Amino acid sequence: MGKPAEEIHPVKAFGWAARDQSGLLSPFNFSRRETGDEDVRFKVMYCGICHTDLHRIKNEWGDAKYPLLPGHEIVGVVTDVGSKVQKFTIGDKVGVGCLVGACHSCDNCANNLENYCLRKILTYNGTYRDGTTTYGGYSDHMVVNENFVVRIPDNLPLDAAAPLLCAGITMYSPLRYFGLDKPGLHLGVVGLGGLGHVGVKFAKAFGAKVTVISTSPNKKKEAIDHLGADSFLVSRDPDQMQAAMATMDGILDTVSAVHPLAPLIGLLKSHGKLIMLGAPDKPLELPAFPLLLGRKTVAGSGIGGLKETQEMIDFAGKHNITADIEVIPIDYVNTAMERLVKADVKYRFVIDVANSLKAT
C-alpha cells in the first residue's frame, strides 16, 4: 500500500462532492498537494456547472470515482506560486478548464493539442501521476501546474468568464480549425443552450452570418434580439428547413440528445462541414448519400489545447464575449442540477464559490 492521500497532499481543502450515483452533492473535507516548483495555487472565486458535471456525478458514463468533486470551469485569484513559475504572480486573475495534466511526449502534446493526449489528466475524476484522484472547482482552492492555467483578461467579469473555459473553447476551437472563422460565411448553430449561445457570440465576432437551428420556436426572439443571430430555423418545420437547403458553409451541432442528421446535412452547401460537439448516449444515423452529393464533411471536436484556450479567452476579452449566467450559492447546487436536467437555465449556472462555500 502506498501512502494515504493526506500524506501525499497535506494542504487541507474543502468543497462539495457526490458520494454515490444518486449524484447528491454535500460538504466534503479533503486535501490538495503543496505548491510545487511549477505550480500555481489560487483561491476559487467562481465555478461554472457544465452538463458533464451532471453526467459524471450520476455515473452516467460508467467511470465515476467517488467521492467525486466536479467543476472544470474554474476562475479565481492566485495566492501562491512555485519557485520556477514564470507566467503568473500572486494576485493574477486565472482560470482552469477541463485539463490539469498531459504526457508532454506524444504528437498531440507536441502540437499544443493536450486535449487529445491519450494520457491527459482531467481536472476532476481523473488520476494524478502519484495515483491520487483529481478534484475539481466546487472547492475553496486549486493547485495546478502553470502550463494548465490561463490568464483571464482584466475586462472580463470572472463569473461570466468561467463557462468560457469549457463551453467557450468547445465552440471556438472548431470555428478556427475548420476554417469557419472567416467573415461573410453563413454558419448554423444547432441548440441554444450553454454551448450554443456562446457559439453564436463567437461566430458573430468572426463576422459570420449566423442562423440558430432549434426545435423550440419560442427561442427565436431571444436568439435574434438578445444574442444577435441573423435568422432562426425551427428544425421540426419541413417548410423552413426546405427553404434553407444548401445555404450554409458550416454547422456547429451542440445537441446531446439523439436527433436526425440528414436534415442538417441538407442545409450545407457543397463542401460544407457539420461539426458534432454534443455527445448523444446512443449512435446517430449517418446517411452517406447526402455527403457524396456535395463532398460534405461530418466531423467532431472536443474542447481545445491550452495555447488555443488562452487565445480564445484573449479573443473573448477583445470582443467582450461572456456567457449568459445565473449565479447561485453552493448550497443551491443540487436544485441547479435538477433544473439542468430540465434545461431550465439561461444559459449556464455559475457557483459563487468564494461567497457561499463555508467550511463545516
Protein backbone atom coordinates (compact mmCIF):
# COMPACT_ATOMS: atom_id res chain seq x y z
CA MET A 1 0.00 0.00 0.00
CA GLY A 2 1.20 3.49 -0.81
CA LYS A 3 0.90 6.50 1.43
CA PRO A 4 -2.61 7.82 2.13
CA ALA A 5 -3.63 10.87 0.08
CA GLU A 6 -3.46 13.10 3.18
CA GLU A 7 0.27 12.43 3.47
CA ILE A 8 0.96 12.96 -0.23
CA HIS A 9 -1.31 16.04 -0.25
CA PRO A 10 -1.01 17.78 3.13
CA VAL A 11 -2.90 21.03 2.39
CA LYS A 12 -6.45 21.00 3.74
CA ALA A 13 -9.21 21.79 1.29
CA PHE A 14 -12.99 21.95 1.34
CA GLY A 15 -15.71 21.60 -1.27
CA TRP A 16 -18.90 19.80 -2.22
CA ALA A 17 -18.76 16.25 -3.60
CA ALA A 18 -21.04 13.39 -4.63
CA ARG A 19 -20.58 10.13 -2.69
CA ASP A 20 -22.57 7.78 -4.95
CA GLN A 21 -24.55 7.71 -8.19
CA SER A 22 -27.54 9.45 -6.63
CA GLY A 23 -25.40 12.45 -7.61
CA LEU A 24 -26.34 14.29 -4.42
CA LEU A 25 -23.62 16.80 -3.55
CA SER A 26 -22.74 17.65 0.06
CA PRO A 27 -19.86 19.23 2.04
CA PHE A 28 -16.56 17.37 1.73
CA ASN A 29 -13.23 17.82 3.51
CA PHE A 30 -10.20 16.64 1.54
CA SER A 31 -6.60 17.69 0.81
CA ARG A 32 -4.51 19.05 -2.03
CA ARG A 33 -0.78 18.86 -2.63
CA GLU A 34 1.70 21.52 -1.53
CA THR A 35 2.62 24.14 -4.12
CA GLY A 36 5.29 22.51 -6.30
CA ASP A 37 8.06 24.39 -8.11
CA GLU A 38 5.92 24.74 -11.27
CA ASP A 39 2.52 25.03 -9.56
CA VAL A 40 0.06 27.88 -9.26
CA ARG A 41 -2.30 27.88 -6.27
CA PHE A 42 -5.40 30.04 -6.45
CA LYS A 43 -8.48 30.85 -4.45
CA VAL A 44 -11.56 29.72 -6.38
CA MET A 45 -13.97 32.63 -6.85
CA TYR A 46 -16.48 31.09 -9.26
CA CYS A 47 -17.08 27.74 -10.96
CA GLY A 48 -19.47 27.06 -13.83
CA ILE A 49 -21.73 24.00 -13.88
CA CYS A 50 -21.25 22.02 -17.11
CA HIS A 51 -23.61 19.26 -18.28
CA THR A 52 -20.60 16.95 -17.97
CA ASP A 53 -20.71 17.51 -14.20
CA LEU A 54 -24.24 16.13 -14.14
CA HIS A 55 -23.30 13.05 -16.21
CA ARG A 56 -20.29 12.37 -14.00
CA ILE A 57 -21.88 12.72 -10.54
CA LYS A 58 -24.63 10.30 -11.58
CA ASN A 59 -22.10 7.89 -13.14
CA GLU A 60 -23.98 8.02 -16.46
CA TRP A 61 -20.71 7.36 -18.32
CA GLY A 62 -19.80 4.45 -16.04
CA ASP A 63 -16.40 5.69 -14.86
CA ALA A 64 -17.17 7.75 -11.75
CA LYS A 65 -14.68 7.63 -8.87
CA TYR A 66 -16.42 8.54 -5.62
CA PRO A 67 -16.16 10.77 -3.71
CA LEU A 68 -16.44 12.87 -6.88
CA LEU A 69 -15.90 16.64 -6.65
CA PRO A 70 -16.85 18.23 -10.00
CA GLY A 71 -16.17 21.54 -11.71
CA HIS A 72 -13.98 22.39 -14.72
CA GLU A 73 -14.98 25.98 -15.48
CA ILE A 74 -12.94 27.47 -12.66
CA VAL A 75 -11.78 31.06 -12.12
CA GLY A 76 -10.00 32.66 -9.21
CA VAL A 77 -7.12 34.74 -7.90
CA VAL A 78 -3.55 33.46 -7.47
CA THR A 79 -2.45 33.11 -3.83
CA ASP A 80 0.87 31.26 -4.23
CA VAL A 81 3.31 30.30 -6.99
CA GLY A 82 6.17 27.79 -7.12
CA SER A 83 9.80 28.89 -7.38
CA LYS A 84 10.04 28.08 -11.11
CA VAL A 85 6.71 29.61 -12.18
CA GLN A 86 7.26 32.29 -14.84
CA LYS A 87 3.83 33.14 -16.22
CA PHE A 88 1.90 34.10 -13.08
CA THR A 89 2.26 36.10 -9.90
CA ILE A 90 0.19 36.46 -6.74
CA GLY A 91 -2.99 38.45 -7.39
CA ASP A 92 -3.39 37.44 -11.05
CA LYS A 93 -6.88 36.52 -12.31
CA VAL A 94 -6.68 32.99 -13.68
CA GLY A 95 -8.76 30.06 -14.87
CA VAL A 96 -8.57 26.29 -15.24
CA GLY A 97 -10.65 24.29 -17.70
CA CYS A 98 -11.04 20.56 -18.32
CA LEU A 99 -7.37 19.55 -18.07
CA VAL A 100 -4.70 19.66 -15.36
CA GLY A 101 -2.07 17.41 -16.97
CA ALA A 102 -0.85 15.60 -20.09
CA CYS A 103 2.08 13.38 -21.12
CA HIS A 104 4.06 16.13 -22.94
CA SER A 105 5.71 13.49 -25.14
CA CYS A 106 3.13 12.47 -27.77
CA ASP A 107 2.42 14.10 -31.14
CA ASN A 108 -0.73 15.76 -29.82
CA CYS A 109 1.13 17.38 -26.93
CA ALA A 110 3.91 18.49 -29.28
CA ASN A 111 1.26 20.29 -31.36
CA ASN A 112 -0.43 22.04 -28.39
CA LEU A 113 -3.33 19.57 -28.52
CA GLU A 114 -3.17 18.31 -24.94
CA ASN A 115 -6.95 17.81 -25.16
CA TYR A 116 -6.32 14.84 -27.48
CA CYS A 117 -3.44 13.36 -25.47
CA LEU A 118 -4.30 9.77 -24.55
CA ARG A 119 -2.70 10.26 -21.14
CA LYS A 120 -4.22 13.62 -20.31
CA ILE A 121 -5.30 14.24 -16.71
CA LEU A 122 -8.84 15.53 -16.28
CA THR A 123 -9.49 18.33 -13.78
CA TYR A 124 -11.75 16.04 -11.78
CA ASN A 125 -12.49 12.31 -11.70
CA GLY A 126 -9.01 11.83 -13.15
CA THR A 127 -5.85 10.37 -11.65
CA TYR A 128 -2.63 12.25 -10.91
CA ARG A 129 0.72 10.59 -11.61
CA ASP A 130 1.01 9.85 -7.87
CA GLY A 131 -2.14 7.71 -8.07
CA THR A 132 -4.46 10.10 -6.23
CA THR A 133 -7.77 11.34 -7.60
CA THR A 134 -8.22 14.82 -9.07
CA TYR A 135 -10.84 17.08 -7.52
CA GLY A 136 -12.49 19.97 -9.35
CA GLY A 137 -13.63 23.51 -8.77
CA TYR A 138 -16.62 23.17 -6.45
CA SER A 139 -13.98 23.84 -3.80
CA ASP A 140 -12.17 26.61 -1.96
CA HIS A 141 -8.84 26.46 -3.80
CA MET A 142 -6.94 24.69 -6.58
CA VAL A 143 -3.28 23.90 -7.19
CA VAL A 144 -2.37 23.29 -10.84
CA ASN A 145 0.79 23.13 -12.96
CA GLU A 146 1.25 26.56 -14.53
CA ASN A 147 1.05 25.12 -18.06
CA PHE A 148 -2.63 24.30 -17.45
CA VAL A 149 -3.60 27.71 -16.10
CA VAL A 150 -4.90 30.53 -18.33
CA ARG A 151 -4.84 34.24 -17.64
CA ILE A 152 -8.25 35.94 -17.58
CA PRO A 153 -8.31 39.37 -19.29
CA ASP A 154 -8.93 42.21 -16.83
CA ASN A 155 -12.01 43.48 -18.64
CA LEU A 156 -13.93 40.18 -18.35
CA PRO A 157 -16.04 39.65 -15.21
CA LEU A 158 -14.83 36.46 -13.55
CA ASP A 159 -18.30 34.94 -13.05
CA ALA A 160 -19.40 35.30 -16.69
CA ALA A 161 -15.95 34.30 -18.00
CA ALA A 162 -15.90 30.97 -16.13
CA PRO A 163 -18.03 28.99 -18.64
CA LEU A 164 -15.73 30.03 -21.48
CA LEU A 165 -13.13 27.58 -20.10
CA CYS A 166 -15.27 24.68 -21.35
CA ALA A 167 -18.22 25.97 -23.37
CA GLY A 168 -16.20 28.78 -24.94
CA ILE A 169 -13.25 26.72 -26.11
CA THR A 170 -15.58 23.93 -27.29
CA MET A 171 -17.15 26.38 -29.76
CA TYR A 172 -14.06 28.46 -30.61
CA SER A 173 -11.74 25.57 -31.49
CA PRO A 174 -13.82 24.09 -34.36
CA LEU A 175 -14.55 27.53 -35.79
CA ARG A 176 -10.80 28.10 -36.06
CA TYR A 177 -9.65 24.60 -37.07
CA PHE A 178 -12.27 24.03 -39.77
CA GLY A 179 -11.82 27.49 -41.31
CA LEU A 180 -15.22 28.72 -40.19
CA ASP A 181 -13.70 31.88 -38.69
CA LYS A 182 -13.77 33.93 -41.91
CA PRO A 183 -16.05 36.99 -42.32
CA GLY A 184 -19.04 36.52 -44.60
CA LEU A 185 -19.58 32.78 -44.04
CA HIS A 186 -23.07 31.52 -43.21
CA LEU A 187 -22.97 29.35 -40.09
CA GLY A 188 -25.65 27.36 -38.33
CA VAL A 189 -25.71 26.68 -34.60
CA VAL A 190 -27.88 23.74 -33.54
CA GLY A 191 -29.24 24.02 -29.99
CA LEU A 192 -29.38 27.25 -27.99
CA GLY A 193 -28.06 26.10 -24.63
CA GLY A 194 -24.82 26.58 -22.69
CA LEU A 195 -22.67 25.80 -25.74
CA GLY A 196 -24.90 27.19 -28.46
CA HIS A 197 -25.42 30.68 -27.06
CA VAL A 198 -21.64 31.15 -26.71
CA GLY A 199 -21.14 29.76 -30.22
CA VAL A 200 -23.46 32.41 -31.65
CA LYS A 201 -21.38 35.13 -29.98
CA PHE A 202 -18.04 33.79 -31.26
CA ALA A 203 -19.36 33.23 -34.78
CA LYS A 204 -20.74 36.79 -34.92
CA ALA A 205 -17.41 38.16 -33.62
CA PHE A 206 -15.67 36.38 -36.52
CA GLY A 207 -18.00 38.20 -38.91
CA ALA A 208 -20.28 35.33 -39.87
CA LYS A 209 -23.96 35.36 -40.70
CA VAL A 210 -25.47 33.12 -38.03
CA THR A 211 -28.65 31.03 -38.10
CA VAL A 212 -29.82 29.33 -34.92
CA ILE A 213 -31.43 25.93 -35.56
CA SER A 214 -33.71 24.77 -32.75
CA THR A 215 -36.73 22.60 -32.00
CA SER A 216 -38.14 25.43 -29.83
CA PRO A 217 -39.89 28.24 -31.75
CA ASN A 218 -40.13 30.25 -28.52
CA LYS A 219 -36.34 30.80 -28.58
CA LYS A 220 -36.46 32.87 -31.77
CA LYS A 221 -36.80 36.30 -30.14
CA GLU A 222 -34.00 35.54 -27.68
CA ALA A 223 -31.69 34.27 -30.43
CA ILE A 224 -32.15 37.28 -32.69
CA ASP A 225 -32.84 40.20 -30.31
CA HIS A 226 -30.55 39.25 -27.44
CA LEU A 227 -27.77 37.09 -28.89
CA GLY A 228 -27.53 38.78 -32.28
CA ALA A 229 -28.30 35.83 -34.55
CA ASP A 230 -29.34 36.81 -38.08
CA SER A 231 -32.05 34.22 -38.52
CA PHE A 232 -33.80 31.31 -36.83
CA LEU A 233 -34.88 27.92 -38.16
CA VAL A 234 -37.35 25.61 -36.44
CA SER A 235 -35.83 22.20 -37.24
CA ARG A 236 -39.21 20.44 -36.94
CA ASP A 237 -40.74 22.68 -39.63
CA PRO A 238 -40.13 20.95 -43.00
CA ASP A 239 -41.03 24.07 -44.98
CA GLN A 240 -38.49 26.23 -43.14
CA MET A 241 -35.81 23.56 -43.48
CA GLN A 242 -36.54 23.07 -47.19
CA ALA A 243 -36.27 26.83 -47.81
CA ALA A 244 -32.82 26.90 -46.20
CA MET A 245 -31.40 23.89 -48.09
CA ALA A 246 -27.81 24.27 -49.33
CA THR A 247 -27.29 27.73 -47.81
CA MET A 248 -24.74 27.14 -45.03
CA ASP A 249 -20.96 26.85 -45.06
CA GLY A 250 -20.76 25.17 -41.68
CA ILE A 251 -22.93 23.98 -38.81
CA LEU A 252 -21.97 23.55 -35.15
CA ASP A 253 -24.20 20.86 -33.64
CA THR A 254 -24.28 21.16 -29.83
CA VAL A 255 -27.20 18.77 -29.18
CA SER A 256 -26.56 15.82 -26.86
CA ALA A 257 -29.93 14.14 -27.46
CA VAL A 258 -30.44 11.65 -30.29
CA HIS A 259 -31.55 13.60 -33.36
CA PRO A 260 -31.60 13.19 -37.17
CA LEU A 261 -28.52 14.39 -39.08
CA ALA A 262 -29.87 14.15 -42.64
CA PRO A 263 -31.85 17.45 -42.45
CA LEU A 264 -28.76 19.25 -41.13
CA ILE A 265 -26.55 17.82 -43.88
CA GLY A 266 -29.16 19.10 -46.33
CA LEU A 267 -28.67 22.66 -45.08
CA LEU A 268 -24.99 22.59 -46.08
CA LYS A 269 -23.61 23.94 -49.31
CA SER A 270 -21.21 21.76 -51.28
CA HIS A 271 -18.01 21.33 -49.22
CA GLY A 272 -19.96 22.33 -46.11
CA LYS A 273 -18.96 20.99 -42.71
CA LEU A 274 -21.18 19.63 -39.95
CA ILE A 275 -19.21 19.64 -36.69
CA MET A 276 -20.50 17.45 -33.87
CA LEU A 277 -19.97 18.91 -30.39
CA GLY A 278 -22.68 17.19 -28.37
CA ALA A 279 -22.33 13.59 -27.18
CA PRO A 280 -25.59 11.63 -27.54
CA ASP A 281 -25.66 8.44 -25.48
CA LYS A 282 -26.74 6.33 -28.49
CA PRO A 283 -25.21 6.21 -32.00
CA LEU A 284 -26.69 8.60 -34.55
CA GLU A 285 -27.74 7.53 -38.03
CA LEU A 286 -25.42 8.99 -40.67
CA PRO A 287 -26.62 8.59 -44.27
CA ALA A 288 -23.72 8.55 -46.73
CA PHE A 289 -25.55 9.58 -49.89
CA PRO A 290 -26.12 13.26 -48.95
CA LEU A 291 -22.40 13.54 -48.14
CA LEU A 292 -21.42 12.21 -51.56
CA LEU A 293 -23.66 14.66 -53.38
CA GLY A 294 -21.74 17.70 -52.15
CA ARG A 295 -18.39 16.49 -50.85
CA LYS A 296 -19.65 17.35 -47.39
CA THR A 297 -17.89 16.63 -44.12
CA VAL A 298 -19.15 15.41 -40.76
CA ALA A 299 -16.51 15.87 -38.06
CA GLY A 300 -16.12 16.13 -34.31
CA SER A 301 -14.23 18.41 -31.95
CA GLY A 302 -13.58 18.35 -28.21
CA ILE A 303 -12.51 21.40 -26.15
CA GLY A 304 -9.02 22.63 -27.14
CA GLY A 305 -5.39 22.71 -26.13
CA LEU A 306 -4.03 25.19 -23.61
CA LYS A 307 -2.45 27.52 -26.17
CA GLU A 308 -5.75 27.76 -28.03
CA THR A 309 -7.72 28.17 -24.79
CA GLN A 310 -5.61 31.21 -23.92
CA GLU A 311 -6.10 32.51 -27.47
CA MET A 312 -9.87 32.02 -27.08
CA ILE A 313 -10.10 33.88 -23.76
CA ASP A 314 -7.98 36.73 -25.15
CA PHE A 315 -10.30 36.92 -28.19
CA ALA A 316 -13.28 36.95 -25.80
CA GLY A 317 -11.66 39.81 -23.90
CA LYS A 318 -11.10 41.77 -27.10
CA HIS A 319 -14.72 41.31 -28.22
CA ASN A 320 -16.34 41.41 -24.76
CA ILE A 321 -17.71 37.88 -25.11
CA THR A 322 -19.03 36.27 -21.93
CA ALA A 323 -21.57 33.57 -21.12
CA ASP A 324 -25.09 34.46 -20.01
CA ILE A 325 -25.25 33.13 -16.47
CA GLU A 326 -27.34 32.60 -13.36
CA VAL A 327 -25.12 32.94 -10.29
CA ILE A 328 -26.01 30.62 -7.40
CA PRO A 329 -24.72 29.82 -3.90
CA ILE A 330 -23.12 26.42 -3.38
CA ASP A 331 -25.99 25.14 -1.24
CA TYR A 332 -28.32 25.56 -4.24
CA VAL A 333 -26.21 23.20 -6.37
CA ASN A 334 -28.46 20.12 -6.07
CA THR A 335 -31.50 22.16 -7.14
CA ALA A 336 -29.44 23.59 -10.01
CA MET A 337 -28.65 20.03 -11.17
CA GLU A 338 -32.39 19.19 -11.15
CA ARG A 339 -33.09 22.29 -13.21
CA LEU A 340 -30.23 21.45 -15.59
CA VAL A 341 -31.89 18.10 -16.37
CA LYS A 342 -34.97 20.08 -17.48
CA ALA A 343 -32.85 22.64 -19.39
CA ASP A 344 -34.25 25.27 -17.02
CA VAL A 345 -31.32 27.70 -17.13
CA LYS A 346 -30.27 30.67 -19.27
CA TYR A 347 -27.65 29.56 -20.10
CA ARG A 348 -25.11 28.50 -17.54
CA PHE A 349 -25.23 28.16 -13.76
CA VAL A 350 -22.15 29.60 -12.06
CA ILE A 351 -21.45 28.90 -8.39
CA ASP A 352 -20.35 31.88 -6.29
CA VAL A 353 -17.79 29.75 -4.51
CA ALA A 354 -15.91 32.47 -2.62
CA ASN A 355 -19.01 33.99 -1.03
CA SER A 356 -21.02 30.86 -0.29
CA LEU A 357 -18.62 27.98 0.45
CA LYS A 358 -18.27 27.78 4.21
CA ALA A 359 -16.19 25.04 5.85
CA THR A 360 -18.01 22.81 8.32
